[in-house]
C-alpha cells in the first residue's frame, strides 16, 4: 500500500477534500494548512476546481442530448473481449483538478446518455406503444414517395399518361370512387392553363390512389392524387416540398389525403392546390 506521507501535497489535499484520510492524516493536514500559506492556496485551488466540475456536470446533464450523439451511440459496436485479463493495480482515489473534473463530467454525460438510450430501446420492445399522430404522419409521408415515383414514370411516357380518357367522365367517377373509396369532382383548371386528360389508379404505400392527370400548353404534366387515410384532424395542411424537378403540395381533409404534383418550376403550384381543394 502506498505511504500517504510520500504522496505529493496536491494528492494528499485531494484525498482530504474527498474525505478519504484517516483522522490522524486529516489532523496533520489541517495543522499544516493553518501555518503554510502555499499549502492553503493549493488547497483552495483544488476545492474550487472540484466545485466547478460538479456545477459543470449539473449544467451538462440539463442540456438536451444532441441528435448526432444519439446516432453515434446507436451505431456503435459493443467492445470486443480483451485477449488477456488485465492485472489489477492498487489505486488511490484522488479528487480531480479543474480540467480533470470537466473531463470526468463529459465522460459521465456520454455514458449516461448511452445507458438511457439502450434502456429506452429495451422498454419500447417490451411494451409496444399505441399509434400516435406522429406515427400517422410518418405513414402518410410514405405514400408521397410512391406518388412522386409514379409522376416521374408517366412523365417519361407521354403517350400513356392515363388509363381512362377525360371524355369518359362518368366511368372515371364511378371507377375511382369504387376503387379508392373517395367521392370527388374533377376540378376545372382550364383558366389556370391546365387541361384535364384522364385518370389512373396506382398503389401508394399499400393503398389504392386515384390520379387525375392534367397537361399544360407547354407540355408540362400535373396530377391530383388522393386516397383514404388515418391522419388526425390536426394534420398539417398545404405542406409544400420539392423533390428535385417535381413540386409537391399535400393536404388532408375528412379522412382523405390529397397531393398536387407538378413541375417544381411552377411558382403558382401552392395557389393551384388551394383552388383544387375547394373544388374537388
Protein backbone atom coordinates (compact mmCIF):
# COMPACT_ATOMS: atom_id res chain seq x y z
CA UNK A 1 0.00 0.00 0.00
CA UNK A 2 1.25 3.47 -0.82
CA UNK A 3 2.63 5.56 2.00
CA UNK A 4 0.29 8.53 2.34
CA UNK A 5 3.02 10.84 3.58
CA UNK A 6 5.13 10.13 0.48
CA UNK A 7 2.37 11.30 -1.86
CA UNK A 8 2.66 14.78 -3.39
CA UNK A 9 0.99 17.52 -1.41
CA UNK A 10 -1.75 18.04 -4.00
CA UNK A 11 -2.64 14.34 -3.81
CA UNK A 12 -2.85 14.49 -0.02
CA UNK A 13 -5.05 17.59 -0.16
CA UNK A 14 -7.26 15.97 -2.79
CA UNK A 15 -7.75 12.99 -0.50
CA UNK A 16 -8.68 15.42 2.27
CA UNK A 17 -11.32 17.03 0.04
CA UNK A 18 -12.78 13.60 -0.76
CA UNK A 19 -12.88 12.61 2.92
CA UNK A 20 -10.53 9.69 2.30
CA UNK A 21 -7.99 10.47 5.01
CA UNK A 22 -7.69 8.93 8.44
CA UNK A 23 -8.39 11.14 11.46
CA UNK A 24 -4.65 11.44 12.09
CA UNK A 25 -3.89 12.39 8.48
CA UNK A 26 -6.72 14.92 8.49
CA UNK A 27 -5.44 16.50 11.71
CA UNK A 28 -1.89 16.81 10.35
CA UNK A 29 -3.07 18.38 7.09
CA UNK A 30 -5.34 20.85 8.85
CA UNK A 31 -2.43 21.92 11.08
CA UNK A 32 -0.24 22.45 8.03
CA UNK A 33 -2.94 24.48 6.26
CA UNK A 34 -3.17 26.72 9.30
CA UNK A 35 0.52 27.70 9.11
CA UNK A 36 1.54 27.09 5.46
CA UNK A 37 0.17 29.76 3.07
CA UNK A 38 1.39 27.87 -0.01
CA UNK A 39 -0.45 24.73 1.03
CA UNK A 40 -3.54 26.84 1.79
CA UNK A 41 -3.53 28.37 -1.71
CA UNK A 42 -3.12 24.93 -3.30
CA UNK A 43 -5.98 23.57 -1.21
CA UNK A 44 -8.27 26.45 -2.30
CA UNK A 45 -7.46 25.84 -5.98
CA UNK A 46 -8.29 22.15 -5.65
CA UNK A 47 -11.54 22.94 -3.83
CA UNK A 48 -12.58 25.47 -6.45
CA UNK A 49 -11.78 23.02 -9.24
CA UNK A 50 -13.90 20.32 -7.62
CA UNK A 51 -16.83 22.73 -7.17
CA UNK A 52 -16.53 23.87 -10.78
CA UNK A 53 -16.58 20.29 -12.04
CA UNK A 54 -19.71 19.45 -10.05
CA UNK A 55 -21.57 22.55 -11.23
CA UNK A 56 -20.48 21.98 -14.83
CA UNK A 57 -21.74 18.38 -14.68
CA UNK A 58 -25.13 19.57 -13.43
CA UNK A 59 -25.35 22.06 -16.32
CA UNK A 60 -24.34 19.48 -18.92
CA UNK A 61 -26.91 16.95 -17.69
CA UNK A 62 -29.66 19.55 -18.13
CA UNK A 63 -28.83 20.08 -21.81
CA UNK A 64 -30.76 18.08 -24.49
CA UNK A 65 -28.96 15.10 -25.98
CA UNK A 66 -27.56 16.06 -29.44
CA UNK A 67 -29.03 14.03 -32.30
CA UNK A 68 -25.55 13.26 -33.65
CA UNK A 69 -24.57 11.76 -30.28
CA UNK A 70 -27.70 9.58 -30.18
CA UNK A 71 -26.98 8.28 -33.68
CA UNK A 72 -23.34 7.63 -32.76
CA UNK A 73 -24.34 5.64 -29.68
CA UNK A 74 -26.96 3.69 -31.63
CA UNK A 75 -24.49 2.71 -34.36
CA UNK A 76 -21.59 1.91 -32.02
CA UNK A 77 -20.45 -1.72 -31.88
CA UNK A 78 -20.03 -3.41 -28.49
CA UNK A 79 -16.39 -3.68 -27.38
CA UNK A 80 -14.57 -6.94 -28.01
CA UNK A 81 -13.47 -9.05 -25.08
CA UNK A 82 -9.80 -8.47 -24.17
CA UNK A 83 -7.33 -11.19 -25.18
CA UNK A 84 -5.63 -11.28 -21.82
CA UNK A 85 -7.01 -10.33 -18.41
CA UNK A 86 -5.79 -7.07 -17.03
CA UNK A 87 -3.62 -7.09 -13.96
CA UNK A 88 -5.31 -5.26 -11.15
CA UNK A 89 -3.29 -2.45 -9.67
CA UNK A 90 -3.71 -0.73 -6.34
CA UNK A 91 -5.13 2.73 -6.73
CA UNK A 92 -5.91 5.68 -4.57
CA UNK A 93 -8.96 7.81 -5.33
CA UNK A 94 -7.99 11.42 -5.68
CA UNK A 95 -10.12 14.50 -6.13
CA UNK A 96 -9.84 15.89 -9.68
CA UNK A 97 -8.17 19.10 -10.61
CA UNK A 98 -10.27 21.62 -12.55
CA UNK A 99 -9.51 20.18 -16.03
CA UNK A 100 -9.92 16.62 -14.74
CA UNK A 101 -13.31 17.44 -13.22
CA UNK A 102 -14.56 18.87 -16.51
CA UNK A 103 -13.32 15.84 -18.48
CA UNK A 104 -14.99 13.49 -15.99
CA UNK A 105 -18.26 15.41 -16.34
CA UNK A 106 -18.26 14.99 -20.11
CA UNK A 107 -17.45 11.27 -19.88
CA UNK A 108 -20.22 10.69 -17.33
CA UNK A 109 -22.64 12.58 -19.56
CA UNK A 110 -21.84 10.39 -22.60
CA UNK A 111 -22.07 7.15 -20.60
CA UNK A 112 -25.38 8.24 -19.06
CA UNK A 113 -26.84 9.03 -22.47
CA UNK A 114 -25.80 5.62 -23.79
CA UNK A 115 -27.36 3.76 -20.87
CA UNK A 116 -30.57 5.77 -21.15
CA UNK A 117 -30.79 5.20 -24.88
CA UNK A 118 -30.41 1.43 -24.70
CA UNK A 119 -32.72 1.21 -21.68
CA UNK A 120 -35.38 3.13 -23.58
CA UNK A 121 -34.91 0.82 -26.58
CA UNK A 122 -35.41 -2.26 -24.40
CA UNK A 123 -38.52 -0.80 -22.79
CA UNK A 124 -40.06 0.07 -26.14
CA UNK A 125 -39.59 -3.52 -27.33
CA UNK A 126 -41.28 -4.92 -24.24
CA UNK A 127 -44.24 -2.51 -24.30
CA UNK A 128 -45.38 -1.56 -27.83
CA UNK A 129 -46.81 1.94 -27.88
CA UNK A 130 -50.18 2.76 -29.36
CA UNK A 131 -50.21 4.59 -32.73
CA UNK A 132 -49.75 8.35 -32.35
CA UNK A 133 -50.32 11.38 -34.55
CA UNK A 134 -46.59 11.44 -35.34
CA UNK A 135 -46.67 7.81 -36.48
CA UNK A 136 -49.71 8.55 -38.65
CA UNK A 137 -47.87 11.47 -40.22
CA UNK A 138 -44.87 9.22 -40.96
CA UNK A 139 -47.20 6.69 -42.55
CA UNK A 140 -48.68 9.48 -44.67
CA UNK A 141 -45.25 10.59 -45.87
CA UNK A 142 -44.51 7.07 -47.14
CA UNK A 143 -47.13 7.23 -49.87
CA UNK A 144 -45.75 10.56 -51.11
CA UNK A 145 -42.64 8.70 -52.26
CA UNK A 146 -44.85 6.46 -54.41
CA UNK A 147 -46.75 9.48 -55.75
CA UNK A 148 -43.53 11.19 -56.88
CA UNK A 149 -42.19 7.95 -58.41
CA UNK A 150 -45.44 7.43 -60.34
CA UNK A 151 -45.37 11.04 -61.57
CA UNK A 152 -41.83 10.57 -62.90
CA UNK A 153 -42.86 7.33 -64.60
CA UNK A 154 -45.80 8.74 -66.58
CA UNK A 155 -43.86 11.94 -67.40
CA UNK A 156 -41.42 9.74 -69.33
CA UNK A 157 -44.31 8.08 -71.20
CA UNK A 158 -46.37 10.99 -72.60
CA UNK A 159 -48.49 8.65 -74.76
CA UNK A 160 -49.60 6.62 -71.73
CA UNK A 161 -50.40 9.20 -69.07
CA UNK A 162 -53.92 7.94 -68.33
CA UNK A 163 -55.96 4.71 -68.29
CA UNK A 164 -59.38 6.26 -68.89
CA UNK A 165 -59.60 9.43 -71.06
CA UNK A 166 -61.36 12.61 -69.93
CA UNK A 167 -64.14 12.01 -72.48
CA UNK A 168 -65.41 9.15 -70.28
CA UNK A 169 -66.19 11.32 -67.27
CA UNK A 170 -68.95 9.08 -65.88
CA UNK A 171 -66.75 5.98 -65.96
CA UNK A 172 -63.91 7.89 -64.26
CA UNK A 173 -66.21 8.98 -61.42
CA UNK A 174 -67.64 5.50 -60.87
CA UNK A 175 -64.32 3.69 -61.26
CA UNK A 176 -62.22 5.87 -58.93
CA UNK A 177 -64.92 6.22 -56.28
CA UNK A 178 -65.44 2.47 -56.01
CA UNK A 179 -61.71 1.65 -56.16
CA UNK A 180 -60.31 4.34 -53.88
CA UNK A 181 -63.39 4.81 -51.67
CA UNK A 182 -63.40 8.61 -52.00
CA UNK A 183 -66.13 10.70 -53.61
CA UNK A 184 -64.76 13.56 -55.73
CA UNK A 185 -65.31 16.02 -58.57
CA UNK A 186 -62.85 16.69 -61.38
CA UNK A 187 -61.57 20.27 -60.89
CA UNK A 188 -61.70 22.54 -63.96
CA UNK A 189 -58.27 24.18 -64.23
CA UNK A 190 -58.60 25.48 -67.77
CA UNK A 191 -58.32 29.14 -66.77
CA UNK A 192 -55.05 28.34 -64.98
CA UNK A 193 -53.63 26.79 -68.16
CA UNK A 194 -54.13 23.10 -67.29
CA UNK A 195 -56.27 20.71 -69.35
CA UNK A 196 -57.73 17.53 -67.86
CA UNK A 197 -56.56 14.50 -69.88
CA UNK A 198 -57.79 11.44 -67.96
CA UNK A 199 -57.46 9.29 -64.85
CA UNK A 200 -55.37 6.47 -63.46
CA UNK A 201 -55.18 4.23 -60.36
CA UNK A 202 -51.94 3.10 -58.71
CA UNK A 203 -50.84 1.73 -55.34
CA UNK A 204 -49.33 4.16 -52.80
CA UNK A 205 -47.93 2.60 -49.61
CA UNK A 206 -50.23 -0.41 -49.98
CA UNK A 207 -53.46 1.54 -50.67
CA UNK A 208 -55.22 2.42 -53.96
CA UNK A 209 -54.64 6.01 -55.10
CA UNK A 210 -56.79 7.90 -57.58
CA UNK A 211 -54.93 10.15 -60.02
CA UNK A 212 -56.35 12.92 -62.22
CA UNK A 213 -53.84 13.91 -64.91
CA UNK A 214 -53.51 17.39 -66.45
CA UNK A 215 -51.21 18.86 -69.09
CA UNK A 216 -50.26 22.44 -70.00
CA UNK A 217 -49.78 24.01 -73.41
CA UNK A 218 -46.04 23.79 -72.78
CA UNK A 219 -46.22 20.02 -72.36
CA UNK A 220 -45.81 20.04 -68.58
CA UNK A 221 -47.57 17.39 -66.51
CA UNK A 222 -49.52 17.84 -63.25
CA UNK A 223 -51.58 15.35 -61.24
CA UNK A 224 -54.10 15.42 -58.42
CA UNK A 225 -53.74 12.27 -56.30
CA UNK A 226 -55.99 11.21 -53.41
CA UNK A 227 -56.56 8.25 -51.09
CA UNK A 228 -58.23 7.43 -47.77
CA UNK A 229 -56.06 7.87 -44.66
CA UNK A 230 -55.94 7.61 -40.86
CA UNK A 231 -54.47 11.05 -40.18
CA UNK A 232 -55.76 13.11 -37.24
CA UNK A 233 -57.86 16.19 -37.97
CA UNK A 234 -54.98 18.45 -36.84
CA UNK A 235 -52.65 17.17 -39.59
CA UNK A 236 -50.68 19.88 -41.41
CA UNK A 237 -52.45 21.31 -44.47
CA UNK A 238 -50.90 22.52 -47.73
CA UNK A 239 -47.38 21.37 -46.91
CA UNK A 240 -45.23 22.20 -49.91
CA UNK A 241 -41.98 20.40 -50.71
CA UNK A 242 -39.72 19.94 -53.73
CA UNK A 243 -38.38 16.57 -54.88
CA UNK A 244 -35.75 17.56 -57.45
CA UNK A 245 -37.71 18.50 -60.59
CA UNK A 246 -41.13 17.79 -59.02
CA UNK A 247 -43.07 20.10 -56.72
CA UNK A 248 -45.42 18.54 -54.15
CA UNK A 249 -48.28 20.16 -52.20
CA UNK A 250 -50.03 17.85 -49.70
CA UNK A 251 -53.11 18.42 -47.56
CA UNK A 252 -55.72 16.45 -45.61
CA UNK A 253 -59.49 16.71 -45.31
CA UNK A 254 -62.21 14.49 -43.84
CA UNK A 255 -60.25 11.22 -43.80
CA UNK A 256 -58.67 11.77 -47.21
CA UNK A 257 -55.14 12.73 -48.19
CA UNK A 258 -54.64 14.86 -51.29
CA UNK A 259 -51.48 15.71 -53.23
CA UNK A 260 -50.92 18.04 -56.14
CA UNK A 261 -47.73 17.20 -58.03
CA UNK A 262 -46.28 19.21 -60.88
CA UNK A 263 -43.11 20.86 -62.15
CA UNK A 264 -41.06 22.38 -59.33
CA UNK A 265 -40.57 25.41 -61.60
CA UNK A 266 -44.30 26.17 -61.38
CA UNK A 267 -44.39 29.07 -58.90
CA UNK A 268 -48.19 29.01 -58.51
CA UNK A 269 -48.40 25.35 -57.51
CA UNK A 270 -49.38 26.23 -53.93
CA UNK A 271 -52.20 28.55 -55.03
CA UNK A 272 -53.37 25.95 -57.53
CA UNK A 273 -53.56 23.37 -54.70
CA UNK A 274 -55.82 25.66 -52.67
CA UNK A 275 -58.17 26.01 -55.63
CA UNK A 276 -58.18 22.23 -56.17
CA UNK A 277 -59.04 21.71 -52.50
CA UNK A 278 -62.15 23.89 -52.82
CA UNK A 279 -63.44 22.22 -55.99
CA UNK A 280 -62.54 18.53 -55.83
